[in-house]
Amino acid sequence: MADLVVIGGGLAGSEAAWQAAQRGLAVTLFEMRPEKTTPAHVTGNLAELVCSNSLGSNLVDRAPGLLKEELRRLGSLVVDCADATAVPAGGALAVDREAFAQEVTNRIEGHPRIELRREQATAIPEDRATVIATGPLTSEALANKLAALTGSEHLYFYDAMAPIVVADSIDTSICFRASRYGHGEGEGDYLNCPMTREEYDRFVSALLEAETAPLREFEREDPQFFEACLPVEVLASRGQKALAYGPLKPVGLTDPRTGTRPYAVVQLRQDNQAATLYNLVGFQTNLRWSEQERILRLIPGLEEAEFVRLGQMHRNTFLNSPLLLRPTLQYRGRDDLFFAGQITGTEGYIGSVASGLVAGINAARQAGGQPPVAFPSSTMIGALCHYVSSADPEGFQPMKANFGLMPPVVPPVRNKRERYAAYAQRALDDLARFATTVDLVLVPPLV
């Protein structure tokens, strides 16, 4: 019999199962795919990325980069797999999504203390420790069990996926390769589609006139959009220049054909290691697919584009965590029940990984008779866990890694870049001290 049950084989569940197994627990990991799929997934692999293939900045003086560095030092499975399947993305960590998911799957399946069960979990085990990491697409059956357990309604937001285009169908006589301000290697890691004022205005007008895909009945009742992942058509509706100051901002880029900065730029980011696919950065959308193909081909360089995936919007579910969870990610009403991933409100890929790591470590500690630990709020991992467990529950929304969650550095540092570097150095120093204090081994050996 397993010591720990983990429900959900996404980023958080895979990380939680790995961390607990590395610490000696026998783990049963439930993943319902491919027997039962979701509106967003296309394979049965664990840790499949359904939105962007980027895990954010790799620079330690950026919040996502600091979070990844903390995870590396704690022996994160997911970050290690991401590093092993990375594709060029300037200062960011982006992956070949198929190779990445396959690598996570292979390592989980090869772990001697993890049993992977390909079936849907419809109940919350009461006789053993459990981590629930079902993510934003929690099945209706389990969602009903969670609602009965917590006694409160779930909150939810809507997440929109960006289109992916075949590289060979991009007109490189118009698009140019560069990273903002010259970051990245060689010519640059992004393909950039420059727009004149006229081309931009025509594109925005088409977006505003386009027909969106209909929401399902339960989605029409109270649609809410999470600000960090707005559909491009929703952003365009906020003002004629909203896109030019958002995902289409041209700063740091020069069109080699004119020697000047374009009025707006659509960036394409490499989506796989073979560089045969590119995704449209910041172009999450819920337009009808026929409208997407028509409107996206108004982008200079994409007139003949071949799209292998078009945008899609789906429901994401998360808990009102400040009412329900401790900073250890334990459920307040049951010591051996943990939650992890976007269902907790730790937004984004790496935020999900971080909560999975905390839940897995603490489940192992609980099973071994050690007290679960709350990471210091001066670390990015701790700051996220403290936020989701202590924010104002009224109108609670998911949160991604950012330095605003951390206590100010003392003495204050006025320069922003220097201040962020100080945050990062303090976080890594405090993580090392914390690990020593609670007997937490940094970078445990991988099986």
Protein backbone atom coordinates (compact mmCIF):
# COMPACT_ATOMS: atom_id res chain seq x y z
CA MET A 1 0.00 0.00 0.00
CA ALA A 2 1.26 3.44 -0.91
CA ASP A 3 2.33 5.90 1.78
CA LEU A 4 1.08 8.82 -0.32
CA VAL A 5 -1.51 9.30 -3.04
CA VAL A 6 -0.97 12.14 -5.53
CA ILE A 7 -3.95 13.01 -7.72
CA GLY A 8 -3.00 14.72 -10.97
CA GLY A 9 0.02 14.17 -13.20
CA GLY A 10 0.64 17.73 -14.34
CA LEU A 11 3.61 19.88 -13.38
CA ALA A 12 2.68 20.10 -9.70
CA GLY A 13 1.62 16.49 -9.26
CA SER A 14 4.69 15.11 -11.00
CA GLU A 15 6.93 17.31 -8.85
CA ALA A 16 5.11 16.37 -5.62
CA ALA A 17 5.28 12.66 -6.37
CA TRP A 18 8.99 12.88 -7.19
CA GLN A 19 9.91 14.87 -4.09
CA ALA A 20 8.04 12.49 -1.79
CA ALA A 21 9.48 9.40 -3.47
CA GLN A 22 13.00 10.82 -3.30
CA ARG A 23 12.50 11.07 0.44
CA GLY A 24 11.55 7.43 0.78
CA LEU A 25 7.78 7.33 0.42
CA ALA A 26 5.95 4.82 -1.72
CA VAL A 27 3.77 6.99 -3.98
CA THR A 28 0.76 6.22 -6.14
CA LEU A 29 0.29 8.91 -8.78
CA PHE A 30 -3.13 9.07 -10.44
CA GLU A 31 -3.40 10.61 -13.91
CA MET A 32 -6.66 10.21 -15.81
CA ARG A 33 -5.20 10.87 -19.25
CA PRO A 34 -5.24 9.30 -21.81
CA GLU A 35 -8.27 7.29 -20.65
CA LYS A 36 -10.13 10.54 -19.95
CA THR A 37 -8.88 13.73 -21.56
CA THR A 38 -9.54 17.46 -21.11
CA PRO A 39 -10.46 20.24 -23.57
CA ALA A 40 -6.86 21.50 -23.53
CA HIS A 41 -4.61 18.40 -23.57
CA VAL A 42 -3.67 16.43 -26.69
CA THR A 43 -1.40 13.65 -25.34
CA GLY A 44 -1.30 11.28 -22.39
CA ASN A 45 2.13 12.43 -21.21
CA LEU A 46 2.65 13.82 -17.75
CA ALA A 47 3.39 17.53 -17.34
CA GLU A 48 2.00 18.42 -20.79
CA LEU A 49 2.18 22.18 -21.39
CA VAL A 50 -1.09 23.45 -22.79
CA CYS A 51 -0.38 27.17 -23.15
CA SER A 52 3.04 28.69 -23.90
CA ASN A 53 6.23 26.62 -24.08
CA SER A 54 8.10 29.25 -22.06
CA LEU A 55 8.75 28.87 -18.33
CA GLY A 56 9.75 32.52 -18.03
CA SER A 57 13.01 34.29 -17.40
CA ASN A 58 16.12 32.36 -16.45
CA LEU A 59 17.83 35.44 -15.00
CA VAL A 60 18.20 35.19 -11.23
CA ASP A 61 17.47 38.90 -10.73
CA ARG A 62 14.03 38.37 -12.29
CA ALA A 63 11.29 36.84 -10.17
CA PRO A 64 10.66 33.76 -12.38
CA GLY A 65 14.41 33.21 -12.71
CA LEU A 66 14.91 33.37 -8.96
CA LEU A 67 12.10 30.88 -8.44
CA LYS A 68 13.69 28.46 -10.90
CA GLU A 69 17.08 28.83 -9.22
CA GLU A 70 15.56 28.03 -5.83
CA LEU A 71 13.89 24.98 -7.36
CA ARG A 72 17.14 23.84 -8.96
CA ARG A 73 18.89 24.01 -5.59
CA LEU A 74 16.11 21.91 -4.08
CA GLY A 75 16.45 19.20 -6.73
CA SER A 76 13.32 19.96 -8.78
CA LEU A 77 12.47 17.20 -11.26
CA VAL A 78 10.50 19.49 -13.55
CA VAL A 79 13.14 22.22 -13.80
CA ASP A 80 15.82 19.61 -14.44
CA CYS A 81 13.71 18.15 -17.27
CA ALA A 82 13.11 21.66 -18.64
CA ASP A 83 16.85 22.38 -18.66
CA ALA A 84 17.42 19.09 -20.49
CA THR A 85 14.89 19.90 -23.26
CA ALA A 86 15.43 23.66 -23.58
CA VAL A 87 15.18 25.53 -26.88
CA PRO A 88 16.67 28.99 -27.60
CA ALA A 89 14.64 31.80 -26.02
CA GLY A 90 17.02 34.61 -25.11
CA GLY A 91 17.11 35.07 -21.36
CA ALA A 92 14.07 32.82 -20.88
CA LEU A 93 13.75 29.07 -20.35
CA ALA A 94 11.57 27.63 -23.11
CA VAL A 95 11.26 23.94 -23.93
CA ASP A 96 10.41 21.56 -26.71
CA ARG A 97 7.03 20.77 -25.22
CA GLU A 98 6.80 17.18 -26.52
CA ALA A 99 10.35 16.28 -25.48
CA PHE A 100 9.82 17.92 -22.10
CA ALA A 101 6.61 16.04 -21.27
CA GLN A 102 8.15 12.78 -22.46
CA GLU A 103 11.21 13.34 -20.26
CA VAL A 104 9.06 13.95 -17.17
CA THR A 105 6.98 10.87 -18.00
CA ASN A 106 10.03 8.68 -18.47
CA ARG A 107 11.55 9.70 -15.16
CA ILE A 108 8.32 9.23 -13.20
CA GLU A 109 7.71 5.82 -14.79
CA GLY A 110 11.30 4.82 -14.04
CA HIS A 111 11.23 5.74 -10.35
CA PRO A 112 11.18 2.56 -8.22
CA ARG A 113 8.95 4.12 -5.54
CA ILE A 114 6.32 5.65 -7.83
CA GLU A 115 3.36 3.68 -9.20
CA LEU A 116 1.68 5.55 -12.07
CA ARG A 117 -2.00 4.66 -12.36
CA ARG A 118 -3.76 5.76 -15.53
CA GLU A 119 -7.24 6.20 -14.15
CA GLN A 120 -9.48 8.95 -12.87
CA ALA A 121 -9.58 9.54 -9.14
CA THR A 122 -13.15 10.45 -8.24
CA ALA A 123 -12.78 10.57 -4.45
CA ILE A 124 -10.36 11.96 -1.89
CA PRO A 125 -8.67 9.12 0.03
CA GLU A 126 -9.37 9.27 3.76
CA ASP A 127 -7.03 6.51 4.92
CA ARG A 128 -3.69 7.88 3.78
CA ALA A 129 -1.79 11.08 3.04
CA THR A 130 -2.87 12.77 -0.17
CA VAL A 131 -1.73 15.57 -2.45
CA ILE A 132 -4.42 17.00 -4.73
CA ALA A 133 -2.78 18.56 -7.79
CA THR A 134 -5.56 18.25 -10.34
CA GLY A 135 -4.85 21.67 -11.74
CA PRO A 136 -7.10 24.17 -13.44
CA LEU A 137 -9.06 21.50 -15.32
CA THR A 138 -10.20 19.47 -12.34
CA SER A 139 -12.80 16.87 -13.37
CA GLU A 140 -16.40 17.48 -12.41
CA ALA A 141 -16.52 14.39 -10.19
CA LEU A 142 -13.53 15.43 -8.10
CA ALA A 143 -14.57 19.08 -8.11
CA ASN A 144 -17.84 18.03 -6.50
CA LYS A 145 -15.91 16.16 -3.81
CA LEU A 146 -13.73 19.21 -3.20
CA ALA A 147 -16.77 21.45 -2.92
CA ALA A 148 -18.28 19.08 -0.34
CA LEU A 149 -14.99 18.94 1.57
CA THR A 150 -14.29 22.68 1.68
CA GLY A 151 -17.87 23.82 2.08
CA SER A 152 -17.26 26.71 -0.27
CA GLU A 153 -17.70 27.36 -3.97
CA HIS A 154 -14.68 27.22 -6.24
CA LEU A 155 -13.51 30.37 -7.89
CA TYR A 156 -12.40 30.20 -11.49
CA PHE A 157 -10.83 32.17 -14.30
CA TYR A 158 -10.41 31.55 -18.02
CA ASP A 159 -7.12 30.76 -19.67
CA ALA A 160 -6.56 31.16 -23.40
CA MET A 161 -3.96 29.27 -25.45
CA ALA A 162 -1.86 30.87 -28.19
CA PRO A 163 -1.65 29.64 -31.80
CA ILE A 164 1.39 27.75 -33.18
CA VAL A 165 2.65 28.19 -36.75
CA VAL A 166 4.91 26.04 -38.96
CA ALA A 167 8.32 27.70 -39.34
CA ASP A 168 8.61 27.05 -43.07
CA SER A 169 5.38 28.95 -43.71
CA ILE A 170 6.74 32.19 -42.20
CA ASP A 171 7.95 34.79 -44.71
CA THR A 172 11.46 35.52 -43.44
CA SER A 173 11.96 38.25 -46.03
CA ILE A 174 9.59 40.30 -43.88
CA CYS A 175 10.17 38.86 -40.41
CA PHE A 176 13.56 39.43 -38.81
CA ARG A 177 15.39 37.51 -36.12
CA ALA A 178 16.27 39.44 -32.96
CA SER A 179 15.84 39.54 -29.20
CA ARG A 180 14.93 42.76 -27.45
CA TYR A 181 17.98 44.96 -26.80
CA GLY A 182 20.24 42.30 -28.32
CA HIS A 183 19.69 39.71 -25.57
CA GLY A 184 20.12 36.06 -26.56
CA GLU A 185 22.63 34.33 -28.79
CA GLY A 186 23.72 35.11 -32.34
CA GLU A 187 21.11 36.95 -34.37
CA GLY A 188 18.52 36.59 -31.61
CA ASP A 189 16.03 34.00 -30.45
CA TYR A 190 12.74 35.46 -31.72
CA LEU A 191 11.24 35.98 -35.15
CA ASN A 192 9.69 39.44 -35.29
CA CYS A 193 6.85 40.53 -37.55
CA PRO A 194 7.06 44.34 -37.88
CA MET A 195 3.95 46.46 -38.38
CA THR A 196 3.48 49.97 -39.69
CA ARG A 197 0.84 52.20 -38.11
CA GLU A 198 -1.56 51.38 -40.96
CA GLU A 199 -0.99 47.63 -40.67
CA TYR A 200 -1.45 47.79 -36.89
CA ASP A 201 -4.69 49.78 -37.10
CA ARG A 202 -6.10 47.38 -39.70
CA PHE A 203 -5.19 44.41 -37.50
CA VAL A 204 -6.78 45.91 -34.37
CA SER A 205 -9.96 46.75 -36.28
CA ALA A 206 -10.20 43.16 -37.52
CA LEU A 207 -9.78 41.84 -33.97
CA LEU A 208 -12.52 44.10 -32.65
CA GLU A 209 -14.94 43.03 -35.40
CA ALA A 210 -14.15 39.30 -35.18
CA GLU A 211 -16.53 36.69 -33.85
CA THR A 212 -15.44 34.81 -30.72
CA ALA A 213 -16.08 31.14 -30.02
CA PRO A 214 -19.20 30.59 -27.91
CA LEU A 215 -18.73 29.73 -24.26
CA ARG A 216 -20.43 26.69 -22.81
CA GLU A 217 -23.49 27.33 -20.66
CA PHE A 218 -21.66 27.08 -17.35
CA GLU A 219 -18.99 29.46 -18.66
CA ARG A 220 -21.50 32.07 -19.85
CA GLU A 221 -22.98 32.45 -16.39
CA ASP A 222 -20.13 34.50 -14.93
CA PRO A 223 -17.09 34.78 -17.22
CA GLN A 224 -14.00 36.14 -15.48
CA PHE A 225 -10.67 36.74 -17.14
CA PHE A 226 -7.37 36.44 -15.27
CA GLU A 227 -5.43 39.58 -16.06
CA ALA A 228 -2.11 37.77 -16.66
CA CYS A 229 -3.49 35.76 -19.58
CA LEU A 230 -6.03 37.98 -21.33
CA PRO A 231 -7.20 36.95 -24.81
CA VAL A 232 -5.68 39.32 -27.34
CA GLU A 233 -9.11 40.46 -28.53
CA VAL A 234 -10.09 41.42 -24.97
CA LEU A 235 -6.89 43.43 -24.60
CA ALA A 236 -7.51 45.14 -27.96
CA SER A 237 -10.95 46.24 -26.76
CA ARG A 238 -9.32 48.30 -24.00
CA GLY A 239 -8.01 50.93 -26.37
CA GLN A 240 -6.56 51.39 -29.85
CA LYS A 241 -2.98 51.39 -28.53
CA ALA A 242 -3.41 48.72 -25.86
CA LEU A 243 -1.67 46.03 -27.92
CA ALA A 244 1.14 48.38 -28.98
CA TYR A 245 1.91 48.92 -25.29
CA GLY A 246 1.35 45.24 -24.46
CA PRO A 247 2.31 42.07 -26.36
CA LEU A 248 2.99 44.02 -29.60
CA LYS A 249 5.32 46.59 -28.04
CA PRO A 250 8.28 47.34 -30.36
CA VAL A 251 10.77 48.55 -27.75
CA GLY A 252 14.31 47.23 -28.08
CA LEU A 253 13.81 46.10 -31.70
CA THR A 254 14.98 47.58 -35.01
CA ASP A 255 13.64 46.50 -38.39
CA PRO A 256 16.75 45.84 -40.55
CA ARG A 257 14.79 46.74 -43.69
CA THR A 258 14.23 50.31 -42.50
CA GLY A 259 16.83 50.79 -39.77
CA THR A 260 14.11 52.12 -37.48
CA ARG A 261 11.87 50.80 -34.75
CA PRO A 262 8.54 49.48 -36.10
CA TYR A 263 5.25 50.89 -34.87
CA ALA A 264 4.38 47.46 -33.44
CA VAL A 265 5.88 43.96 -33.50
CA VAL A 266 4.40 40.47 -33.22
CA GLN A 267 7.03 38.12 -31.77
CA LEU A 268 7.25 34.43 -32.60
CA ARG A 269 9.06 32.12 -30.16
CA GLN A 270 10.60 28.76 -31.02
CA ASP A 271 8.30 25.99 -29.78
CA ASN A 272 10.35 22.82 -30.28
CA GLN A 273 14.02 21.80 -30.38
CA ALA A 274 13.91 21.20 -34.12
CA ALA A 275 12.81 24.83 -34.64
CA THR A 276 10.02 23.70 -36.96
CA LEU A 277 7.26 25.32 -34.90
CA TYR A 278 6.83 28.83 -33.48
CA ASN A 279 4.17 30.20 -31.16
CA LEU A 280 2.76 33.73 -31.21
CA VAL A 281 3.94 35.38 -28.01
CA GLY A 282 1.10 36.85 -25.97
CA PHE A 283 -1.54 35.79 -28.50
CA GLN A 284 -3.91 33.81 -26.35
CA THR A 285 -7.28 34.06 -28.05
CA ASN A 286 -10.84 32.77 -28.08
CA LEU A 287 -11.73 33.84 -31.60
CA ARG A 288 -13.48 31.31 -33.81
CA TRP A 289 -10.88 29.24 -35.61
CA SER A 290 -11.98 30.49 -39.06
CA GLU A 291 -11.62 34.06 -37.80
CA GLN A 292 -8.19 33.32 -36.36
CA GLU A 293 -6.85 32.00 -39.65
CA ARG A 294 -8.16 35.06 -41.49
CA ILE A 295 -7.04 37.71 -38.99
CA LEU A 296 -3.66 36.26 -38.03
CA ARG A 297 -2.69 36.28 -41.71
CA LEU A 298 -2.99 40.07 -41.61
CA ILE A 299 0.25 40.02 -39.61
CA PRO A 300 3.17 40.87 -41.95
CA GLY A 301 5.13 37.68 -42.66
CA LEU A 302 2.22 35.37 -41.79
CA GLU A 303 0.19 35.89 -44.97
CA GLU A 304 0.74 32.24 -45.96
CA ALA A 305 1.07 30.84 -42.44
CA GLU A 306 0.25 27.22 -41.69
CA PHE A 307 -1.19 26.90 -38.20
CA VAL A 308 -0.80 23.58 -36.40
CA ARG A 309 -2.76 24.83 -33.38
CA LEU A 310 -5.21 27.67 -33.11
CA GLY A 311 -6.21 29.46 -29.94
CA GLN A 312 -8.64 28.01 -27.47
CA MET A 313 -10.09 29.20 -24.16
CA HIS A 314 -11.06 26.89 -21.34
CA ARG A 315 -12.25 27.02 -17.75
CA ASN A 316 -9.65 26.98 -14.98
CA THR A 317 -10.62 26.19 -11.40
CA PHE A 318 -8.86 27.21 -8.20
CA LEU A 319 -9.55 27.24 -4.47
CA ASN A 320 -10.10 30.21 -2.22
CA SER A 321 -6.81 29.20 -0.63
CA PRO A 322 -6.54 31.89 2.09
CA LEU A 323 -9.58 30.31 3.73
CA LEU A 324 -8.47 26.72 3.21
CA LEU A 325 -4.68 26.29 3.19
CA ARG A 326 -1.70 26.86 5.49
CA PRO A 327 1.64 28.13 4.10
CA THR A 328 2.78 24.48 4.27
CA LEU A 329 0.01 23.84 1.67
CA GLN A 330 -1.80 21.61 4.16
CA TYR A 331 -5.56 21.75 4.23
CA ARG A 332 -6.57 23.56 7.40
CA GLY A 333 -9.06 20.86 8.31
CA ARG A 334 -6.81 17.82 7.79
CA ASP A 335 -3.08 17.60 8.48
CA ASP A 336 -2.29 14.85 5.94
CA LEU A 337 -4.12 16.47 3.02
CA PHE A 338 -2.09 18.80 0.79
CA PHE A 339 -2.89 20.83 -2.31
CA ALA A 340 -0.51 21.84 -5.11
CA GLY A 341 -0.49 23.57 -8.48
CA GLN A 342 -2.75 26.17 -10.03
CA ILE A 343 -5.68 24.92 -7.99
CA THR A 344 -3.98 26.64 -5.01
CA GLY A 345 -3.60 29.97 -6.81
CA THR A 346 0.13 29.74 -7.54
CA GLU A 347 -0.19 30.96 -11.11
CA GLY A 348 2.00 29.92 -14.03
CA TYR A 349 4.08 26.88 -14.84
CA ILE A 350 6.90 27.49 -12.38
CA GLY A 351 4.53 28.59 -9.63
CA SER A 352 2.80 25.24 -10.02
CA VAL A 353 6.11 23.41 -9.81
CA ALA A 354 7.04 25.31 -6.65
CA SER A 355 3.81 24.41 -4.88
CA GLY A 356 4.21 20.78 -5.97
CA LEU A 357 7.70 20.70 -4.51
CA VAL A 358 6.50 22.16 -1.19
CA ALA A 359 3.56 19.75 -0.97
CA GLY A 360 5.75 16.74 -1.80
CA ILE A 361 8.44 17.66 0.72
CA ASN A 362 5.89 18.33 3.45
CA ALA A 363 3.92 15.16 2.77
CA ALA A 364 7.16 13.20 3.22
CA ARG A 365 8.00 15.07 6.41
CA GLN A 366 4.51 14.50 7.80
CA ALA A 367 4.70 10.78 7.04
CA GLY A 368 8.13 10.57 8.66
CA GLY A 369 7.06 12.21 11.89
CA GLN A 370 8.70 15.56 11.15
CA PRO A 371 6.71 18.81 11.21
CA PRO A 372 5.89 20.25 7.77
CA VAL A 373 7.79 23.44 7.03
CA ALA A 374 6.77 26.87 5.76
CA PHE A 375 9.51 28.33 3.58
CA PRO A 376 10.68 31.84 4.55
CA SER A 377 8.74 34.62 2.83
CA SER A 378 12.12 36.09 1.84
CA THR A 379 12.42 33.22 -0.67
CA MET A 380 10.26 33.25 -3.77
CA ILE A 381 8.88 29.81 -2.96
CA GLY A 382 7.92 30.97 0.52
CA ALA A 383 6.52 34.28 -0.73
CA LEU A 384 4.12 32.49 -3.09
CA CYS A 385 2.97 30.00 -0.45
CA HIS A 386 2.49 32.74 2.13
CA TYR A 387 0.49 34.80 -0.36
CA VAL A 388 -1.98 32.08 -1.33
CA SER A 389 -2.48 31.12 2.31
CA SER A 390 -2.83 34.62 3.76
CA ALA A 391 -4.18 37.00 1.07
CA ASP A 392 -7.53 38.69 1.45
CA PRO A 393 -10.03 35.91 0.65
CA GLU A 394 -12.52 38.45 -0.65
CA GLY A 395 -11.96 38.42 -4.41
CA PHE A 396 -8.85 36.22 -4.15
CA GLN A 397 -7.09 35.73 -7.49
CA PRO A 398 -4.08 33.59 -8.50
CA MET A 399 -0.64 35.17 -8.25
CA LYS A 400 2.54 34.62 -10.22
CA ALA A 401 6.06 35.03 -8.88
CA ASN A 402 7.01 38.67 -8.36
CA PHE A 403 9.26 40.64 -6.03
CA GLY A 404 6.30 42.57 -4.68
CA LEU A 405 5.38 39.47 -2.64
CA MET A 406 8.66 39.61 -0.71
CA PRO A 407 9.51 41.75 2.34
CA PRO A 408 11.59 44.84 1.43
CA VAL A 409 15.36 44.60 1.63
CA VAL A 410 17.03 46.53 4.45
CA PRO A 411 18.53 49.03 3.97
CA PRO A 412 16.36 50.08 1.00
CA VAL A 413 17.90 49.98 -2.50
CA ARG A 414 16.57 52.66 -4.84
CA ASN A 415 17.82 51.35 -8.19
CA LYS A 416 15.35 48.71 -9.38
CA ARG A 417 17.85 46.33 -10.96
CA GLU A 418 20.12 46.53 -7.93
CA ARG A 419 17.13 46.06 -5.65
CA TYR A 420 16.03 42.93 -7.51
CA ALA A 421 19.57 41.56 -7.37
CA ALA A 422 19.53 42.18 -3.60
CA TYR A 423 16.21 40.34 -3.29
CA ALA A 424 17.68 37.40 -5.17
CA GLN A 425 20.88 37.22 -3.13
CA ARG A 426 18.96 37.43 0.13
CA ALA A 427 16.56 34.71 -1.03
CA LEU A 428 19.33 32.25 -1.93
CA ASP A 429 21.21 32.97 1.30
CA ASP A 430 18.05 32.52 3.37
CA LEU A 431 17.19 29.32 1.52
CA ALA A 432 20.58 27.86 2.42
CA ARG A 433 20.17 28.82 6.09
CA PHE A 434 16.60 27.53 6.18
CA ALA A 435 17.62 24.20 4.67
CA THR A 436 20.25 23.75 7.36
CA THR A 437 17.87 24.71 10.16
CA VAL A 438 15.12 22.25 9.19
CA ASP A 439 17.49 19.52 8.01
CA LEU A 440 16.38 19.90 4.39
CA VAL A 441 18.96 18.54 1.98
CA LEU A 442 19.65 20.82 -0.97
CA VAL A 443 19.84 19.10 -4.36
CA PRO A 444 19.02 15.53 -3.25
CA PRO A 445 20.54 12.87 -5.53
CA LEU A 446 18.25 11.87 -8.40
CA VAL A 447 17.44 8.21 -8.89
